[in-house]
Amino acid sequence: MPDHFFVYPAYVSRGSTRALGRRVPQTLAVSDATVEEIVEVARKLGFTASAEPDKQYPRAVHAYSGRVRIAKKPGVAKTAFLHQLADELSRRHAAEAKH
């Protein structure tokens, strides 16, 4: 069993559908999440994260949007992490929109 999992920007993208790879509810999804932003938020949530910018999402082989490697923590499921990540990204995007 690997000690990590991967997060692609499409997992939290508002422009993506569930069929195309979005893994969070539309209400939590954000537009234009970058690999660097996901790394920053994951670290803020207490996870070890590293960017892999040269990777591509298997469902979008034409685009190299990158991925983030997240070290697993005991008792934290990937789905729960993705919800926390999307919630924090939503707050961050809302705060940036106010400025």
PDB file of N, CA and C in Angstrom:
ATOM      1  N   MET A   1       0.849  -1.180   0.000  1.00  0.00           N
ATOM      2  CA  MET A   1       0.000   0.000   0.000  1.00  0.00           C
ATOM      3  C   MET A   1       0.892   1.240   0.000  1.00  0.00           C
ATOM      4  N   PRO A   2       0.692   2.129  -0.957  1.00  0.00           N
ATOM      5  CA  PRO A   2       1.535   3.331  -1.024  1.00  0.00           C
ATOM      6  C   PRO A   2       1.335   4.233   0.194  1.00  0.00           C
ATOM      7  N   ASP A   3       2.352   5.013   0.484  1.00  0.00           N
ATOM      8  CA  ASP A   3       2.290   5.947   1.610  1.00  0.00           C
ATOM      9  C   ASP A   3       1.881   7.345   1.168  1.00  0.00           C
ATOM     10  N   HIS A   4       1.363   7.444  -0.051  1.00  0.00           N
ATOM     11  CA  HIS A   4       0.965   8.743  -0.598  1.00  0.00           C
ATOM     12  C   HIS A   4      -0.228   8.565  -1.544  1.00  0.00           C
ATOM     13  N   PHE A   5      -0.802   9.689  -1.931  1.00  0.00           N
ATOM     14  CA  PHE A   5      -1.804   9.698  -2.990  1.00  0.00           C
ATOM     15  C   PHE A   5      -1.593  10.955  -3.816  1.00  0.00           C
ATOM     16  N   PHE A   6      -2.217  10.995  -4.977  1.00  0.00           N
ATOM     17  CA  PHE A   6      -2.041  12.118  -5.888  1.00  0.00           C
ATOM     18  C   PHE A   6      -3.311  12.944  -5.979  1.00  0.00           C
ATOM     19  N   VAL A   7      -3.135  14.244  -6.159  1.00  0.00           N
ATOM     20  CA  VAL A   7      -4.248  15.170  -6.351  1.00  0.00           C
ATOM     21  C   VAL A   7      -3.973  15.957  -7.629  1.00  0.00           C
ATOM     22  N   TYR A   8      -4.919  15.889  -8.545  1.00  0.00           N
ATOM     23  CA  TYR A   8      -4.846  16.659  -9.786  1.00  0.00           C
ATOM     24  C   TYR A   8      -5.757  17.873  -9.647  1.00  0.00           C
ATOM     25  N   PRO A   9      -5.406  19.006 -10.262  1.00  0.00           N
ATOM     26  CA  PRO A   9      -6.276  20.184 -10.198  1.00  0.00           C
ATOM     27  C   PRO A   9      -7.710  19.904 -10.649  1.00  0.00           C
ATOM     28  N   ALA A  10      -7.913  18.960 -11.549  1.00  0.00           N
ATOM     29  CA  ALA A  10      -9.261  18.621 -12.022  1.00  0.00           C
ATOM     30  C   ALA A  10     -10.145  18.106 -10.892  1.00  0.00           C
ATOM     31  N   TYR A  11      -9.556  17.557  -9.836  1.00  0.00           N
ATOM     32  CA  TYR A  11     -10.333  17.036  -8.709  1.00  0.00           C
ATOM     33  C   TYR A  11     -11.155  18.125  -8.025  1.00  0.00           C
ATOM     34  N   VAL A  12     -10.681  19.363  -8.068  1.00  0.00           N
ATOM     35  CA  VAL A  12     -11.360  20.463  -7.373  1.00  0.00           C
ATOM     36  C   VAL A  12     -11.801  21.569  -8.329  1.00  0.00           C
ATOM     37  N   SER A  13     -11.825  21.266  -9.615  1.00  0.00           N
ATOM     38  CA  SER A  13     -12.121  22.262 -10.631  1.00  0.00           C
ATOM     39  C   SER A  13     -13.616  22.438 -10.873  1.00  0.00           C
ATOM     40  N   ARG A  14     -14.077  23.674 -10.797  1.00  0.00           N
ATOM     41  CA  ARG A  14     -15.474  23.992 -11.042  1.00  0.00           C
ATOM     42  C   ARG A  14     -15.854  23.710 -12.502  1.00  0.00           C
ATOM     43  N   GLY A  15     -14.926  23.848 -13.416  1.00  0.00           N
ATOM     44  CA  GLY A  15     -15.187  23.638 -14.829  1.00  0.00           C
ATOM     45  C   GLY A  15     -15.255  22.180 -15.231  1.00  0.00           C
ATOM     46  N   SER A  16     -14.984  21.296 -14.318  1.00  0.00           N
ATOM     47  CA  SER A  16     -14.994  19.865 -14.600  1.00  0.00           C
ATOM     48  C   SER A  16     -16.267  19.233 -14.063  1.00  0.00           C
ATOM     49  N   THR A  17     -16.692  18.148 -14.681  1.00  0.00           N
ATOM     50  CA  THR A  17     -17.846  17.394 -14.195  1.00  0.00           C
ATOM     51  C   THR A  17     -17.339  16.194 -13.402  1.00  0.00           C
ATOM     52  N   ARG A  18     -18.242  15.517 -12.742  1.00  0.00           N
ATOM     53  CA  ARG A  18     -17.855  14.298 -12.035  1.00  0.00           C
ATOM     54  C   ARG A  18     -17.311  13.272 -13.027  1.00  0.00           C
ATOM     55  N   ALA A  19     -17.938  13.187 -14.194  1.00  0.00           N
ATOM     56  CA  ALA A  19     -17.491  12.236 -15.217  1.00  0.00           C
ATOM     57  C   ALA A  19     -16.097  12.561 -15.728  1.00  0.00           C
ATOM     58  N   LEU A  20     -15.723  13.826 -15.698  1.00  0.00           N
ATOM     59  CA  LEU A  20     -14.403  14.243 -16.165  1.00  0.00           C
ATOM     60  C   LEU A  20     -13.372  14.301 -15.041  1.00  0.00           C
ATOM     61  N   GLY A  21     -13.771  13.953 -13.820  1.00  0.00           N
ATOM     62  CA  GLY A  21     -12.787  13.831 -12.757  1.00  0.00           C
ATOM     63  C   GLY A  21     -12.960  14.677 -11.522  1.00  0.00           C
ATOM     64  N   ARG A  22     -13.963  15.559 -11.483  1.00  0.00           N
ATOM     65  CA  ARG A  22     -14.148  16.361 -10.270  1.00  0.00           C
ATOM     66  C   ARG A  22     -14.540  15.422  -9.138  1.00  0.00           C
ATOM     67  N   ARG A  23     -13.925  15.584  -7.974  1.00  0.00           N
ATOM     68  CA  ARG A  23     -14.159  14.683  -6.843  1.00  0.00           C
ATOM     69  C   ARG A  23     -14.824  15.354  -5.646  1.00  0.00           C
ATOM     70  N   VAL A  24     -15.138  16.621  -5.778  1.00  0.00           N
ATOM     71  CA  VAL A  24     -15.792  17.349  -4.694  1.00  0.00           C
ATOM     72  C   VAL A  24     -17.117  17.904  -5.211  1.00  0.00           C
ATOM     73  N   PRO A  25     -18.050  18.239  -4.312  1.00  0.00           N
ATOM     74  CA  PRO A  25     -19.308  18.835  -4.759  1.00  0.00           C
ATOM     75  C   PRO A  25     -19.074  20.150  -5.498  1.00  0.00           C
ATOM     76  N   GLN A  26     -19.959  20.467  -6.409  1.00  0.00           N
ATOM     77  CA  GLN A  26     -19.857  21.697  -7.205  1.00  0.00           C
ATOM     78  C   GLN A  26     -19.783  22.930  -6.302  1.00  0.00           C
ATOM     79  N   THR A  27     -20.464  22.891  -5.162  1.00  0.00           N
ATOM     80  CA  THR A  27     -20.468  24.033  -4.248  1.00  0.00           C
ATOM     81  C   THR A  27     -19.089  24.301  -3.634  1.00  0.00           C
ATOM     82  N   LEU A  28     -18.242  23.279  -3.542  1.00  0.00           N
ATOM     83  CA  LEU A  28     -16.897  23.446  -2.992  1.00  0.00           C
ATOM     84  C   LEU A  28     -15.840  23.644  -4.076  1.00  0.00           C
ATOM     85  N   ALA A  29     -16.175  23.341  -5.306  1.00  0.00           N
ATOM     86  CA  ALA A  29     -15.204  23.421  -6.398  1.00  0.00           C
ATOM     87  C   ALA A  29     -14.800  24.868  -6.659  1.00  0.00           C
ATOM     88  N   VAL A  30     -13.587  25.042  -7.163  1.00  0.00           N
ATOM     89  CA  VAL A  30     -13.053  26.373  -7.473  1.00  0.00           C
ATOM     90  C   VAL A  30     -12.619  26.413  -8.930  1.00  0.00           C
ATOM     91  N   SER A  31     -12.495  27.616  -9.443  1.00  0.00           N
ATOM     92  CA  SER A  31     -11.986  27.751 -10.803  1.00  0.00           C
ATOM     93  C   SER A  31     -10.498  28.077 -10.748  1.00  0.00           C
ATOM     94  N   ASP A  32      -9.774  27.538 -11.657  1.00  0.00           N
ATOM     95  CA  ASP A  32      -8.357  27.859 -11.833  1.00  0.00           C
ATOM     96  C   ASP A  32      -7.461  27.530 -10.641  1.00  0.00           C
ATOM     97  N   ALA A  33      -7.637  26.368 -10.041  1.00  0.00           N
ATOM     98  CA  ALA A  33      -6.712  25.946  -8.986  1.00  0.00           C
ATOM     99  C   ALA A  33      -5.429  25.461  -9.648  1.00  0.00           C
ATOM    100  N   THR A  34      -4.302  25.894  -9.136  1.00  0.00           N
ATOM    101  CA  THR A  34      -3.013  25.492  -9.688  1.00  0.00           C
ATOM    102  C   THR A  34      -2.340  24.475  -8.773  1.00  0.00           C
ATOM    103  N   VAL A  35      -1.359  23.780  -9.317  1.00  0.00           N
ATOM    104  CA  VAL A  35      -0.603  22.811  -8.535  1.00  0.00           C
ATOM    105  C   VAL A  35       0.090  23.509  -7.362  1.00  0.00           C
ATOM    106  N   GLU A  36       0.662  24.674  -7.611  1.00  0.00           N
ATOM    107  CA  GLU A  36       1.360  25.407  -6.551  1.00  0.00           C
ATOM    108  C   GLU A  36       0.405  25.805  -5.432  1.00  0.00           C
ATOM    109  N   GLU A  37      -0.793  26.222  -5.813  1.00  0.00           N
ATOM    110  CA  GLU A  37      -1.798  26.617  -4.823  1.00  0.00           C
ATOM    111  C   GLU A  37      -2.243  25.406  -3.999  1.00  0.00           C
ATOM    112  N   ILE A  38      -2.411  24.264  -4.645  1.00  0.00           N
ATOM    113  CA  ILE A  38      -2.806  23.041  -3.939  1.00  0.00           C
ATOM    114  C   ILE A  38      -1.716  22.631  -2.961  1.00  0.00           C
ATOM    115  N   VAL A  39      -0.456  22.724  -3.367  1.00  0.00           N
ATOM    116  CA  VAL A  39       0.662  22.397  -2.469  1.00  0.00           C
ATOM    117  C   VAL A  39       0.636  23.311  -1.252  1.00  0.00           C
ATOM    118  N   GLU A  40       0.476  24.594  -1.478  1.00  0.00           N
ATOM    119  CA  GLU A  40       0.465  25.567  -0.385  1.00  0.00           C
ATOM    120  C   GLU A  40      -0.657  25.289   0.606  1.00  0.00           C
ATOM    121  N   VAL A  41      -1.857  25.030   0.111  1.00  0.00           N
ATOM    122  CA  VAL A  41      -3.005  24.775   0.985  1.00  0.00           C
ATOM    123  C   VAL A  41      -2.834  23.435   1.707  1.00  0.00           C
ATOM    124  N   ALA A  42      -2.330  22.422   1.025  1.00  0.00           N
ATOM    125  CA  ALA A  42      -2.109  21.123   1.662  1.00  0.00           C
ATOM    126  C   ALA A  42      -1.127  21.254   2.813  1.00  0.00           C
ATOM    127  N   ARG A  43      -0.083  22.027   2.614  1.00  0.00           N
ATOM    128  CA  ARG A  43       0.894  22.243   3.691  1.00  0.00           C
ATOM    129  C   ARG A  43       0.274  23.016   4.840  1.00  0.00           C
ATOM    130  N   LYS A  44      -0.592  23.965   4.510  1.00  0.00           N
ATOM    131  CA  LYS A  44      -1.295  24.722   5.554  1.00  0.00           C
ATOM    132  C   LYS A  44      -2.189  23.797   6.383  1.00  0.00           C
ATOM    133  N   LEU A  45      -2.744  22.768   5.732  1.00  0.00           N
ATOM    134  CA  LEU A  45      -3.590  21.796   6.431  1.00  0.00           C
ATOM    135  C   LEU A  45      -2.779  20.758   7.205  1.00  0.00           C
ATOM    136  N   GLY A  46      -1.447  20.843   7.125  1.00  0.00           N
ATOM    137  CA  GLY A  46      -0.591  19.955   7.897  1.00  0.00           C
ATOM    138  C   GLY A  46      -0.110  18.721   7.168  1.00  0.00           C
ATOM    139  N   PHE A  47      -0.238  18.685   5.857  1.00  0.00           N
ATOM    140  CA  PHE A  47       0.201  17.540   5.073  1.00  0.00           C
ATOM    141  C   PHE A  47       1.526  17.847   4.401  1.00  0.00           C
ATOM    142  N   THR A  48       2.286  16.819   4.128  1.00  0.00           N
ATOM    143  CA  THR A  48       3.512  16.960   3.349  1.00  0.00           C
ATOM    144  C   THR A  48       3.117  16.831   1.889  1.00  0.00           C
ATOM    145  N   ALA A  49       3.428  17.845   1.100  1.00  0.00           N
ATOM    146  CA  ALA A  49       3.014  17.870  -0.297  1.00  0.00           C
ATOM    147  C   ALA A  49       4.163  18.324  -1.180  1.00  0.00           C
ATOM    148  N   SER A  50       4.227  17.746  -2.379  1.00  0.00           N
ATOM    149  CA  SER A  50       5.229  18.169  -3.351  1.00  0.00           C
ATOM    150  C   SER A  50       4.603  18.203  -4.738  1.00  0.00           C
ATOM    151  N   ALA A  51       4.994  19.195  -5.509  1.00  0.00           N
ATOM    152  CA  ALA A  51       4.447  19.385  -6.853  1.00  0.00           C
ATOM    153  C   ALA A  51       5.186  18.507  -7.854  1.00  0.00           C
ATOM    154  N   GLU A  52       4.436  17.994  -8.818  1.00  0.00           N
ATOM    155  CA  GLU A  52       4.985  17.267  -9.952  1.00  0.00           C
ATOM    156  C   GLU A  52       4.404  17.915 -11.205  1.00  0.00           C
ATOM    157  N   PRO A  53       4.963  19.068 -11.609  1.00  0.00           N
ATOM    158  CA  PRO A  53       4.358  19.872 -12.678  1.00  0.00           C
ATOM    159  C   PRO A  53       4.402  19.251 -14.067  1.00  0.00           C
ATOM    160  N   ASP A  54       5.253  18.279 -14.291  1.00  0.00           N
ATOM    161  CA  ASP A  54       5.375  17.689 -15.620  1.00  0.00           C
ATOM    162  C   ASP A  54       4.430  16.508 -15.852  1.00  0.00           C
ATOM    163  N   LYS A  55       3.556  16.220 -14.911  1.00  0.00           N
ATOM    164  CA  LYS A  55       2.626  15.098 -15.038  1.00  0.00           C
ATOM    165  C   LYS A  55       1.308  15.551 -15.658  1.00  0.00           C
ATOM    166  N   GLN A  56       0.584  14.598 -16.223  1.00  0.00           N
ATOM    167  CA  GLN A  56      -0.701  14.911 -16.839  1.00  0.00           C
ATOM    168  C   GLN A  56      -1.794  14.061 -16.215  1.00  0.00           C
ATOM    169  N   TYR A  57      -2.994  14.613 -16.203  1.00  0.00           N
ATOM    170  CA  TYR A  57      -4.152  13.895 -15.693  1.00  0.00           C
ATOM    171  C   TYR A  57      -4.571  12.865 -16.741  1.00  0.00           C
ATOM    172  N   PRO A  58      -4.723  11.602 -16.372  1.00  0.00           N
ATOM    173  CA  PRO A  58      -5.031  10.566 -17.362  1.00  0.00           C
ATOM    174  C   PRO A  58      -6.294  10.819 -18.189  1.00  0.00           C
ATOM    175  N   ARG A  59      -7.261  11.528 -17.646  1.00  0.00           N
ATOM    176  CA  ARG A  59      -8.485  11.800 -18.403  1.00  0.00           C
ATOM    177  C   ARG A  59      -8.334  12.998 -19.342  1.00  0.00           C
ATOM    178  N   ALA A  60      -7.238  13.714 -19.238  1.00  0.00           N
ATOM    179  CA  ALA A  60      -6.979  14.860 -20.110  1.00  0.00           C
ATOM    180  C   ALA A  60      -5.533  14.758 -20.607  1.00  0.00           C
ATOM    181  N   VAL A  61      -5.280  13.788 -21.451  1.00  0.00           N
ATOM    182  CA  VAL A  61      -3.908  13.499 -21.879  1.00  0.00           C
ATOM    183  C   VAL A  61      -3.286  14.614 -22.709  1.00  0.00           C
ATOM    184  N   HIS A  62      -4.084  15.526 -23.189  1.00  0.00           N
ATOM    185  CA  HIS A  62      -3.573  16.625 -23.993  1.00  0.00           C
ATOM    186  C   HIS A  62      -3.044  17.794 -23.162  1.00  0.00           C
ATOM    187  N   ALA A  63      -3.316  17.790 -21.860  1.00  0.00           N
ATOM    188  CA  ALA A  63      -2.936  18.921 -21.003  1.00  0.00           C
ATOM    189  C   ALA A  63      -2.014  18.454 -19.875  1.00  0.00           C
ATOM    190  N   TYR A  64      -0.908  19.142 -19.711  1.00  0.00           N
ATOM    191  CA  TYR A  64       0.022  18.851 -18.625  1.00  0.00           C
ATOM    192  C   TYR A  64      -0.206  19.859 -17.504  1.00  0.00           C
ATOM    193  N   SER A  65      -1.238  19.633 -16.720  1.00  0.00           N
ATOM    194  CA  SER A  65      -1.564  20.558 -15.642  1.00  0.00           C
ATOM    195  C   SER A  65      -0.826  20.214 -14.353  1.00  0.00           C
ATOM    196  N   GLY A  66      -0.151  19.072 -14.324  1.00  0.00           N
ATOM    197  CA  GLY A  66       0.611  18.674 -13.154  1.00  0.00           C
ATOM    198  C   GLY A  66      -0.236  17.930 -12.137  1.00  0.00           C
ATOM    199  N   ARG A  67       0.426  17.493 -11.088  1.00  0.00           N
ATOM    200  CA  ARG A  67      -0.249  16.832  -9.984  1.00  0.00           C
ATOM    201  C   ARG A  67       0.522  17.099  -8.712  1.00  0.00           C
ATOM    202  N   VAL A  68      -0.120  16.802  -7.588  1.00  0.00           N
ATOM    203  CA  VAL A  68       0.495  17.008  -6.277  1.00  0.00           C
ATOM    204  C   VAL A  68       0.554  15.666  -5.562  1.00  0.00           C
ATOM    205  N   ARG A  69       1.712  15.364  -5.025  1.00  0.00           N
ATOM    206  CA  ARG A  69       1.898  14.135  -4.253  1.00  0.00           C
ATOM    207  C   ARG A  69       1.712  14.481  -2.780  1.00  0.00           C
ATOM    208  N   ILE A  70       0.749  13.834  -2.140  1.00  0.00           N
ATOM    209  CA  ILE A  70       0.405  14.100  -0.743  1.00  0.00           C
ATOM    210  C   ILE A  70       0.757  12.875   0.102  1.00  0.00           C
ATOM    211  N   ALA A  71       1.502  13.080   1.171  1.00  0.00           N
ATOM    212  CA  ALA A  71       1.816  11.987   2.093  1.00  0.00           C
ATOM    213  C   ALA A  71       0.580  11.681   2.930  1.00  0.00           C
ATOM    214  N   LYS A  72       0.241  10.405   3.016  1.00  0.00           N
ATOM    215  CA  LYS A  72      -0.932   9.992   3.796  1.00  0.00           C
ATOM    216  C   LYS A  72      -0.698  10.215   5.285  1.00  0.00           C
ATOM    217  N   LYS A  73      -1.812  10.472   5.968  1.00  0.00           N
ATOM    218  CA  LYS A  73      -1.809  10.552   7.424  1.00  0.00           C
ATOM    219  C   LYS A  73      -2.754   9.479   7.933  1.00  0.00           C
ATOM    220  N   PRO A  74      -2.406   8.836   9.034  1.00  0.00           N
ATOM    221  CA  PRO A  74      -3.302   7.808   9.575  1.00  0.00           C
ATOM    222  C   PRO A  74      -4.664   8.402   9.926  1.00  0.00           C
ATOM    223  N   GLY A  75      -5.712   7.710   9.531  1.00  0.00           N
ATOM    224  CA  GLY A  75      -7.065   8.129   9.876  1.00  0.00           C
ATOM    225  C   GLY A  75      -7.669   9.204   8.996  1.00  0.00           C
ATOM    226  N   VAL A  76      -6.959   9.647   7.972  1.00  0.00           N
ATOM    227  CA  VAL A  76      -7.491  10.675   7.074  1.00  0.00           C
ATOM    228  C   VAL A  76      -7.644  10.069   5.683  1.00  0.00           C
ATOM    229  N   ALA A  77      -8.889   9.942   5.249  1.00  0.00           N
ATOM    230  CA  ALA A  77      -9.175   9.383   3.929  1.00  0.00           C
ATOM    231  C   ALA A  77      -8.936  10.435   2.853  1.00  0.00           C
ATOM    232  N   LYS A  78      -8.672   9.979   1.641  1.00  0.00           N
ATOM    233  CA  LYS A  78      -8.418  10.897   0.531  1.00  0.00           C
ATOM    234  C   LYS A  78      -9.624  11.794   0.287  1.00  0.00           C
ATOM    235  N   THR A  79     -10.828  11.238   0.363  1.00  0.00           N
ATOM    236  CA  THR A  79     -12.044  12.027   0.146  1.00  0.00           C
ATOM    237  C   THR A  79     -12.176  13.124   1.188  1.00  0.00           C
ATOM    238  N   ALA A  80     -11.911  12.810   2.438  1.00  0.00           N
ATOM    239  CA  ALA A  80     -11.978  13.817   3.501  1.00  0.00           C
ATOM    240  C   ALA A  80     -10.932  14.902   3.259  1.00  0.00           C
ATOM    241  N   PHE A  81      -9.742  14.507   2.846  1.00  0.00           N
ATOM    242  CA  PHE A  81      -8.704  15.489   2.536  1.00  0.00           C
ATOM    243  C   PHE A  81      -9.148  16.396   1.395  1.00  0.00           C
ATOM    244  N   LEU A  82      -9.717  15.822   0.330  1.00  0.00           N
ATOM    245  CA  LEU A  82     -10.149  16.618  -0.816  1.00  0.00           C
ATOM    246  C   LEU A  82     -11.224  17.621  -0.424  1.00  0.00           C
ATOM    247  N   HIS A  83     -12.123  17.249   0.476  1.00  0.00           N
ATOM    248  CA  HIS A  83     -13.145  18.185   0.946  1.00  0.00           C
ATOM    249  C   HIS A  83     -12.511  19.328   1.746  1.00  0.00           C
ATOM    250  N   GLN A  84     -11.550  19.006   2.611  1.00  0.00           N
ATOM    251  CA  GLN A  84     -10.840  20.043   3.368  1.00  0.00           C
ATOM    252  C   GLN A  84     -10.085  20.974   2.422  1.00  0.00           C
ATOM    253  N   LEU A  85      -9.418  20.384   1.450  1.00  0.00           N
ATOM    254  CA  LEU A  85      -8.653  21.157   0.480  1.00  0.00           C
ATOM    255  C   LEU A  85      -9.562  22.094  -0.304  1.00  0.00           C
ATOM    256  N   ALA A  86     -10.667  21.567  -0.817  1.00  0.00           N
ATOM    257  CA  ALA A  86     -11.590  22.379  -1.612  1.00  0.00           C
ATOM    258  C   ALA A  86     -12.209  23.486  -0.771  1.00  0.00           C
ATOM    259  N   ASP A  87     -12.536  23.187   0.479  1.00  0.00           N
ATOM    260  CA  ASP A  87     -13.112  24.201   1.369  1.00  0.00           C
ATOM    261  C   ASP A  87     -12.118  25.345   1.581  1.00  0.00           C
ATOM    262  N   GLU A  88     -10.864  25.008   1.837  1.00  0.00           N
ATOM    263  CA  GLU A  88      -9.844  26.039   2.060  1.00  0.00           C
ATOM    264  C   GLU A  88      -9.563  26.822   0.773  1.00  0.00           C
ATOM    265  N   LEU A  89      -9.535  26.136  -0.366  1.00  0.00           N
ATOM    266  CA  LEU A  89      -9.347  26.833  -1.642  1.00  0.00           C
ATOM    267  C   LEU A  89     -10.510  27.789  -1.917  1.00  0.00           C
ATOM    268  N   SER A  90     -11.733  27.365  -1.598  1.00  0.00           N
ATOM    269  CA  SER A  90     -12.910  28.227  -1.790  1.00  0.00           C
ATOM    270  C   SER A  90     -12.801  29.491  -0.946  1.00  0.00           C
ATOM    271  N   ARG A  91     -12.394  29.326   0.309  1.00  0.00           N
ATOM    272  CA  ARG A  91     -12.217  30.492   1.187  1.00  0.00           C
ATOM    273  C   ARG A  91     -11.148  31.428   0.644  1.00  0.00           C
ATOM    274  N   ARG A  92     -10.069  30.849   0.192  1.00  0.00           N
ATOM    275  CA  ARG A  92      -8.963  31.636  -0.341  1.00  0.00           C
ATOM    276  C   ARG A  92      -9.393  32.421  -1.588  1.00  0.00           C
ATOM    277  N   HIS A  93     -10.112  31.777  -2.484  1.00  0.00           N
ATOM    278  CA  HIS A  93     -10.578  32.439  -3.706  1.00  0.00           C
ATOM    279  C   HIS A  93     -11.603  33.524  -3.387  1.00  0.00           C
ATOM    280  N   ALA A  94     -12.462  33.276  -2.392  1.00  0.00           N
ATOM    281  CA  ALA A  94     -13.446  34.285  -1.989  1.00  0.00           C
ATOM    282  C   ALA A  94     -12.753  35.506  -1.384  1.00  0.00           C
ATOM    283  N   ALA A  95     -11.709  35.274  -0.600  1.00  0.00           N
ATOM    284  CA  ALA A  95     -10.977  36.382   0.003  1.00  0.00           C
ATOM    285  C   ALA A  95     -10.248  37.202  -1.063  1.00  0.00           C
ATOM    286  N   GLU A  96      -9.693  36.533  -2.059  1.00  0.00           N
ATOM    287  CA  GLU A  96      -9.010  37.235  -3.147  1.00  0.00           C
ATOM    288  C   GLU A  96      -9.990  38.045  -3.989  1.00  0.00           C
ATOM    289  N   ALA A  97     -11.203  37.538  -4.121  1.00  0.00           N
ATOM    290  CA  ALA A  97     -12.222  38.249  -4.915  1.00  0.00           C
ATOM    291  C   ALA A  97     -12.653  39.531  -4.231  1.00  0.00           C
ATOM    292  N   LYS A  98     -12.589  39.580  -2.896  1.00  0.00           N
ATOM    293  CA  LYS A  98     -12.984  40.788  -2.152  1.00  0.00           C
ATOM    294  C   LYS A  98     -11.993  41.918  -2.347  1.00  0.00           C
ATOM    295  N   HIS A  99     -10.742  41.581  -2.602  1.00  0.00           N
ATOM    296  CA  HIS A  99      -9.703  42.607  -2.735  1.00  0.00           C
ATOM    297  C   HIS A  99      -9.665  43.165  -4.098  1.00  0.00           C
TER     298      HIS A  99
END
